[in-house]
C-alpha atoms as a PDB file:
ATOM      1  CA  MET A   1     133.502  37.148 143.428  1.00  0.00           C
ATOM      2  CA  PRO A   2     136.780  38.347 144.524  1.00  0.00           C
ATOM      3  CA  SER A   3     139.000  39.902 142.065  1.00  0.00           C
ATOM      4  CA  ARG A   4     142.324  37.649 141.705  1.00  0.00           C
ATOM      5  CA  ASN A   5     144.354  40.530 143.486  1.00  0.00           C
ATOM      6  CA  VAL A   6     142.526  39.771 146.636  1.00  0.00           C
ATOM      7  CA  VAL A   7     142.264  36.113 147.056  1.00  0.00           C
ATOM      8  CA  LYS A   8     146.197  34.974 147.674  1.00  0.00           C
ATOM      9  CA  ILE A   9     147.083  32.335 145.858  1.00  0.00           C
ATOM     10  CA  ASP A  10     149.533  30.684 148.643  1.00  0.00           C
ATOM     11  CA  ILE A  11     152.395  28.935 146.258  1.00  0.00           C
ATOM     12  CA  PRO A  12     156.166  28.088 147.156  1.00  0.00           C
ATOM     13  CA  ASN A  13     159.006  29.436 144.916  1.00  0.00           C
ATOM     14  CA  THR A  14     156.719  32.117 143.275  1.00  0.00           C
ATOM     15  CA  PHE A  15     157.049  35.678 142.535  1.00  0.00           C
ATOM     16  CA  TYR A  16     154.101  38.251 143.609  1.00  0.00           C
ATOM     17  CA  HIS A  17     153.166  41.794 143.352  1.00  0.00           C
ATOM     18  CA  VAL A  18     152.264  43.080 146.592  1.00  0.00           C
ATOM     19  CA  TYR A  19     149.936  46.608 146.840  1.00  0.00           C
ATOM     20  CA  ALA A  20     148.574  48.317 149.560  1.00  0.00           C
ATOM     21  CA  ARG A  21     147.314  51.790 150.278  1.00  0.00           C
ATOM     22  CA  GLY A  22     145.738  54.238 153.257  1.00  0.00           C
ATOM     23  CA  HIS A  23     141.967  53.701 154.017  1.00  0.00           C
ATOM     24  CA  GLY A  24     140.358  56.100 151.918  1.00  0.00           C
ATOM     25  CA  ARG A  25     143.289  57.059 150.664  1.00  0.00           C
ATOM     26  CA  MET A  26     145.412  58.577 153.564  1.00  0.00           C
ATOM     27  CA  THR A  27     148.901  59.491 153.475  1.00  0.00           C
ATOM     28  CA  ILE A  28     150.497  56.130 155.382  1.00  0.00           C
ATOM     29  CA  TYR A  29     153.827  58.043 155.630  1.00  0.00           C
ATOM     30  CA  ARG A  30     153.692  61.479 156.881  1.00  0.00           C
ATOM     31  CA  ASP A  31     157.604  61.956 157.974  1.00  0.00           C
ATOM     32  CA  ASP A  32     161.189  60.446 157.459  1.00  0.00           C
ATOM     33  CA  GLU A  33     160.952  58.679 160.448  1.00  0.00           C
ATOM     34  CA  ASP A  34     157.980  56.834 159.321  1.00  0.00           C
ATOM     35  CA  TYR A  35     159.392  55.592 156.099  1.00  0.00           C
ATOM     36  CA  ARG A  36     162.049  54.458 158.270  1.00  0.00           C
ATOM     37  CA  VAL A  37     160.034  52.459 160.565  1.00  0.00           C
ATOM     38  CA  PHE A  38     158.194  50.630 157.997  1.00  0.00           C
ATOM     39  CA  LEU A  39     161.836  49.723 156.479  1.00  0.00           C
ATOM     40  CA  ASN A  40     162.984  48.395 159.759  1.00  0.00           C
ATOM     41  CA  LEU A  41     159.721  46.387 160.304  1.00  0.00           C
ATOM     42  CA  ILE A  42     160.825  44.700 156.743  1.00  0.00           C
ATOM     43  CA  LYS A  43     164.220  44.448 158.151  1.00  0.00           C
ATOM     44  CA  ARG A  44     163.268  42.616 161.123  1.00  0.00           C
ATOM     45  CA  TYR A  45     161.949  39.905 159.441  1.00  0.00           C
ATOM     46  CA  LEU A  46     164.268  39.686 156.714  1.00  0.00           C
ATOM     47  CA  ASN A  47     167.503  40.201 157.999  1.00  0.00           C
ATOM     48  CA  ASN A  48     170.108  37.407 158.468  1.00  0.00           C
ATOM     49  CA  GLU A  49     170.289  37.740 161.983  1.00  0.00           C
ATOM     50  CA  VAL A  50     167.288  37.437 163.974  1.00  0.00           C
ATOM     51  CA  GLU A  51     166.266  40.423 166.572  1.00  0.00           C
ATOM     52  CA  ASN A  52     164.760  40.586 170.415  1.00  0.00           C
ATOM     53  CA  ASP A  53     162.357  42.797 171.687  1.00  0.00           C
ATOM     54  CA  HIS A  54     162.682  44.420 174.700  1.00  0.00           C
ATOM     55  CA  ASP A  55     162.169  41.450 176.885  1.00  0.00           C
ATOM     56  CA  GLY A  56     164.635  39.485 174.766  1.00  0.00           C
ATOM     57  CA  VAL A  57     161.608  37.274 173.043  1.00  0.00           C
ATOM     58  CA  PRO A  58     163.169  36.690 169.557  1.00  0.00           C
ATOM     59  CA  PHE A  59     160.947  38.381 166.452  1.00  0.00           C
ATOM     60  CA  THR A  60     159.416  35.878 163.982  1.00  0.00           C
ATOM     61  CA  ASN A  61     162.201  35.709 161.244  1.00  0.00           C
ATOM     62  CA  LEU A  62     161.217  34.516 157.642  1.00  0.00           C
ATOM     63  CA  HIS A  63     165.134  35.015 155.828  1.00  0.00           C
ATOM     64  CA  GLY A  64     165.510  32.157 153.684  1.00  0.00           C
ATOM     65  CA  LYS A  65     161.683  31.454 153.577  1.00  0.00           C
ATOM     66  CA  ILE A  66     160.634  34.885 151.352  1.00  0.00           C
ATOM     67  CA  GLU A  67     162.653  37.273 149.639  1.00  0.00           C
ATOM     68  CA  LEU A  68     162.296  40.983 149.042  1.00  0.00           C
ATOM     69  CA  THR A  69     163.174  41.960 145.321  1.00  0.00           C
ATOM     70  CA  CYS A  70     162.525  45.496 145.204  1.00  0.00           C
ATOM     71  CA  TYR A  71     160.122  48.092 146.755  1.00  0.00           C
ATOM     72  CA  CYS A  72     158.789  51.453 146.459  1.00  0.00           C
ATOM     73  CA  LEU A  73     157.174  53.405 149.411  1.00  0.00           C
ATOM     74  CA  MET A  74     154.676  56.381 148.184  1.00  0.00           C
ATOM     75  CA  PRO A  75     153.552  58.930 150.752  1.00  0.00           C
ATOM     76  CA  THR A  76     149.590  56.914 149.943  1.00  0.00           C
ATOM     77  CA  HIS A  77     150.816  53.298 149.393  1.00  0.00           C
ATOM     78  CA  PHE A  78     153.573  50.788 148.718  1.00  0.00           C
ATOM     79  CA  HIS A  79     154.725  48.527 146.203  1.00  0.00           C
ATOM     80  CA  LEU A  80     156.662  45.514 146.755  1.00  0.00           C
ATOM     81  CA  LEU A  81     157.758  42.831 144.540  1.00  0.00           C
ATOM     82  CA  LEU A  82     158.550  39.280 146.604  1.00  0.00           C
ATOM     83  CA  TYR A  83     159.637  35.760 145.934  1.00  0.00           C
ATOM     84  CA  GLN A  84     158.224  33.420 148.147  1.00  0.00           C
ATOM     85  CA  ILE A  85     160.386  30.288 148.496  1.00  0.00           C
ATOM     86  CA  ASN A  86     158.252  28.446 151.482  1.00  0.00           C
ATOM     87  CA  GLU A  87     154.612  28.624 151.654  1.00  0.00           C
ATOM     88  CA  HIS A  88     152.649  31.079 154.163  1.00  0.00           C
ATOM     89  CA  SER A  89     155.791  33.002 154.448  1.00  0.00           C
ATOM     90  CA  MET A  90     153.966  35.717 152.481  1.00  0.00           C
ATOM     91  CA  PRO A  91     150.573  36.029 154.533  1.00  0.00           C
ATOM     92  CA  ARG A  92     153.327  35.872 157.441  1.00  0.00           C
ATOM     93  CA  LEU A  93     155.220  38.658 156.469  1.00  0.00           C
ATOM     94  CA  MET A  94     152.366  41.158 155.488  1.00  0.00           C
ATOM     95  CA  ARG A  95     150.270  40.658 158.726  1.00  0.00           C
ATOM     96  CA  GLY A  96     153.251  41.170 160.835  1.00  0.00           C
ATOM     97  CA  ILE A  97     154.434  44.363 158.874  1.00  0.00           C
ATOM     98  CA  MET A  98     151.115  45.959 158.482  1.00  0.00           C
ATOM     99  CA  ALA A  99     149.832  45.285 162.075  1.00  0.00           C
ATOM    100  CA  SER A 100     153.485  46.771 163.698  1.00  0.00           C
ATOM    101  CA  TYR A 101     153.571  49.542 161.449  1.00  0.00           C
ATOM    102  CA  SER A 102     149.545  50.378 162.058  1.00  0.00           C
ATOM    103  CA  ARG A 103     150.094  50.234 165.883  1.00  0.00           C
ATOM    104  CA  TYR A 104     153.453  52.695 165.413  1.00  0.00           C
ATOM    105  CA  PHE A 105     151.319  54.759 163.528  1.00  0.00           C
ATOM    106  CA  ASN A 106     148.133  55.174 165.615  1.00  0.00           C
ATOM    107  CA  ILE A 107     149.987  55.691 168.775  1.00  0.00           C
ATOM    108  CA  LYS A 108     152.305  58.402 167.279  1.00  0.00           C
ATOM    109  CA  TYR A 109     149.850  60.297 165.546  1.00  0.00           C
ATOM    110  CA  GLU A 110     146.859  59.177 168.521  1.00  0.00           C
ATOM    111  CA  LEU A 111     144.961  57.839 165.841  1.00  0.00           C
ATOM    112  CA  SER A 112     142.395  54.727 166.251  1.00  0.00           C
ATOM    113  CA  GLY A 113     141.084  52.311 163.554  1.00  0.00           C
ATOM    114  CA  ALA A 114     142.218  50.619 160.073  1.00  0.00           C
ATOM    115  CA  LEU A 115     145.578  52.477 158.368  1.00  0.00           C
ATOM    116  CA  PHE A 116     145.131  50.340 155.475  1.00  0.00           C
ATOM    117  CA  GLU A 117     142.268  50.493 152.795  1.00  0.00           C
ATOM    118  CA  THR A 118     142.219  46.737 153.092  1.00  0.00           C
ATOM    119  CA  THR A 119     144.132  43.505 153.800  1.00  0.00           C
ATOM    120  CA  TYR A 120     147.065  43.761 151.248  1.00  0.00           C
ATOM    121  CA  LYS A 121     146.274  43.068 147.383  1.00  0.00           C
ATOM    122  CA  ALA A 122     148.834  40.309 146.288  1.00  0.00           C
ATOM    123  CA  SER A 123     148.945  39.151 142.398  1.00  0.00           C
ATOM    124  CA  MET A 124     151.217  36.234 141.156  1.00  0.00           C
ATOM    125  CA  ILE A 125     153.158  36.756 138.528  1.00  0.00           C
ATOM    126  CA  MET A 126     152.395  33.912 135.830  1.00  0.00           C
ATOM    127  CA  LEU A 127     155.639  34.422 133.576  1.00  0.00           C
ATOM    128  CA  ASP A 128     158.865  35.383 134.173  1.00  0.00           C
ATOM    129  CA  LYS A 129     159.438  37.656 131.837  1.00  0.00           C
ATOM    130  CA  TYR A 130     157.172  40.101 132.712  1.00  0.00           C
ATOM    131  CA  LEU A 131     159.265  40.559 136.382  1.00  0.00           C
ATOM    132  CA  ILE A 132     161.791  43.362 134.899  1.00  0.00           C
ATOM    133  CA  HIS A 133     158.926  45.160 133.260  1.00  0.00           C
ATOM    134  CA  ILE A 134     156.981  44.963 136.710  1.00  0.00           C
ATOM    135  CA  SER A 135     160.447  46.213 138.725  1.00  0.00           C
ATOM    136  CA  ARG A 136     160.158  48.948 136.416  1.00  0.00           C
ATOM    137  CA  TYR A 137     156.563  49.530 136.963  1.00  0.00           C
ATOM    138  CA  ILE A 138     157.559  49.652 140.751  1.00  0.00           C
ATOM    139  CA  HIS A 139     160.631  51.912 140.595  1.00  0.00           C
ATOM    140  CA  ILE A 140     159.390  54.851 138.297  1.00  0.00           C
ATOM    141  CA  ASN A 141     156.027  54.941 140.319  1.00  0.00           C
ATOM    142  CA  PRO A 142     157.555  58.376 141.643  1.00  0.00           C
ATOM    143  CA  LYS A 143     157.590  61.079 138.852  1.00  0.00           C
ATOM    144  CA  ASP A 144     161.103  61.716 140.438  1.00  0.00           C
ATOM    145  CA  TRP A 145     161.881  58.397 140.516  1.00  0.00           C
ATOM    146  CA  ARG A 146     165.735  58.981 139.588  1.00  0.00           C
ATOM    147  CA  THR A 147     166.458  60.692 143.083  1.00  0.00           C
ATOM    148  CA  TYR A 148     163.666  59.468 145.055  1.00  0.00           C
ATOM    149  CA  THR A 149     164.659  58.105 148.503  1.00  0.00           C
ATOM    150  CA  TYR A 150     162.133  55.442 149.607  1.00  0.00           C
ATOM    151  CA  SER A 151     162.520  53.043 146.696  1.00  0.00           C
ATOM    152  CA  SER A 152     165.063  50.254 146.222  1.00  0.00           C
ATOM    153  CA  LEU A 153     166.285  51.692 142.902  1.00  0.00           C
ATOM    154  CA  PRO A 154     169.077  52.403 144.234  1.00  0.00           C
ATOM    155  CA  TYR A 155     170.639  49.328 144.868  1.00  0.00           C
ATOM    156  CA  TYR A 156     169.959  48.643 141.456  1.00  0.00           C
ATOM    157  CA  LEU A 157     172.467  51.305 140.505  1.00  0.00           C
ATOM    158  CA  GLY A 158     175.483  50.447 142.152  1.00  0.00           C
ATOM    159  CA  GLN A 159     174.739  51.131 145.756  1.00  0.00           C
ATOM    160  CA  ARG A 160     175.192  47.679 148.108  1.00  0.00           C
ATOM    161  CA  PRO A 161     172.129  46.320 149.234  1.00  0.00           C
ATOM    162  CA  PRO A 162     171.325  45.672 152.663  1.00  0.00           C
ATOM    163  CA  GLU A 163     170.749  41.907 153.683  1.00  0.00           C
ATOM    164  CA  TRP A 164     167.421  41.919 153.750  1.00  0.00           C
ATOM    165  CA  LEU A 165     166.971  43.092 150.007  1.00  0.00           C
ATOM    166  CA  GLN A 166     167.273  40.602 147.011  1.00  0.00           C
ATOM    167  CA  PRO A 167     167.754  42.671 143.785  1.00  0.00           C
ATOM    168  CA  ALA A 168     169.890  39.775 142.038  1.00  0.00           C
ATOM    169  CA  ARG A 169     167.178  37.940 140.381  1.00  0.00           C
ATOM    170  CA  ILE A 170     165.877  41.042 138.605  1.00  0.00           C
ATOM    171  CA  ILE A 171     169.965  42.936 138.142  1.00  0.00           C
ATOM    172  CA  GLU A 172     171.350  39.515 136.591  1.00  0.00           C
ATOM    173  CA  GLN A 173     169.310  39.783 133.849  1.00  0.00           C
ATOM    174  CA  PHE A 174     170.908  43.072 132.547  1.00  0.00           C
ATOM    175  CA  SER A 175     174.712  43.439 131.798  1.00  0.00           C
ATOM    176  CA  ASP A 176     175.298  46.267 134.203  1.00  0.00           C
ATOM    177  CA  SER A 177     173.505  49.314 135.761  1.00  0.00           C
ATOM    178  CA  ASP A 178     173.832  51.536 133.356  1.00  0.00           C
ATOM    179  CA  LYS A 179     171.348  49.043 130.834  1.00  0.00           C
ATOM    180  CA  TYR A 180     168.708  48.569 133.696  1.00  0.00           C
ATOM    181  CA  GLU A 181     168.790  52.121 134.044  1.00  0.00           C
ATOM    182  CA  LYS A 182     168.584  52.961 130.549  1.00  0.00           C
ATOM    183  CA  PHE A 183     165.260  50.468 130.216  1.00  0.00           C
ATOM    184  CA  LEU A 184     163.695  52.077 133.195  1.00  0.00           C
ATOM    185  CA  ALA A 185     164.046  55.249 131.175  1.00  0.00           C
ATOM    186  CA  ASP A 186     162.612  53.550 127.911  1.00  0.00           C
ATOM    187  CA  TYR A 187     158.987  54.967 128.202  1.00  0.00           C
ATOM    188  CA  GLU A 188     157.945  54.201 124.753  1.00  0.00           C
ATOM    189  CA  ASP A 189     158.600  50.306 125.623  1.00  0.00           C
ATOM    190  CA  TYR A 190     157.162  50.586 129.187  1.00  0.00           C
ATOM    191  CA  LYS A 191     154.148  52.253 127.771  1.00  0.00           C
ATOM    192  CA  GLU A 192     153.565  49.446 125.347  1.00  0.00           C
ATOM    193  CA  MET A 193     154.078  46.433 128.252  1.00  0.00           C
ATOM    194  CA  LEU A 194     151.773  48.467 130.703  1.00  0.00           C
ATOM    195  CA  ASP A 195     148.949  46.810 128.788  1.00  0.00           C
ATOM    196  CA  GLU A 196     150.187  43.532 128.607  1.00  0.00           C
ATOM    197  CA  ILE A 197     151.513  43.253 132.450  1.00  0.00           C
ATOM    198  CA  LYS A 198     148.435  45.050 133.934  1.00  0.00           C
ATOM    199  CA  HIS A 199     147.202  42.129 134.800  1.00  0.00           C
ATOM    200  CA  GLU A 200     150.001  40.624 136.672  1.00  0.00           C
ATOM    201  CA  LEU A 201     149.600  44.034 139.216  1.00  0.00           C
ATOM    202  CA  ALA A 202     147.823  43.752 142.539  1.00  0.00           C
ATOM    203  CA  GLY A 203     146.780  47.285 142.451  1.00  0.00           C
ATOM    204  CA  GLY A 204     147.413  50.704 142.085  1.00  0.00           C
END
């Protein structure tokens, strides 16, 4: 029987931790351009303004139907925390991003075949109290998390977020950004909570 992380329980007004990694743990972002292309695909789907392709045909836009709350792109995998407002928005977003990015990557590096190991894994967050801890799990994934470029952390610590990122549902649970940064750095609490939240995580 498939694990709960593989079966996509598609429920509106629900948070999901989403995870995917490269086939055979291969590197899926080889340079800065790769990270930027992936983030631009997220922007295409979630920005307030609809973007058009080279022929003037509008791309699918899911603004108002699903929100990206936080993210971290690692060389071999990525983590997203999504809030699905409308049913079926998450699969549309993830299929679109992963298919488009795979085409880009294979063309750029003259490859063929699957870039990602499987379809994405998604785990529904059952309790709201876990949200801040899952955001911490995502943000401190890199060893150099305080200075890591490809995560949403700067937007939690004072930098104005772009329209396609909606961190307010997490940030509003802290009185200021310093409190959130101290929360991230509380490794004892993190280790204690990790066993409790691990069943909420999509993979890693």
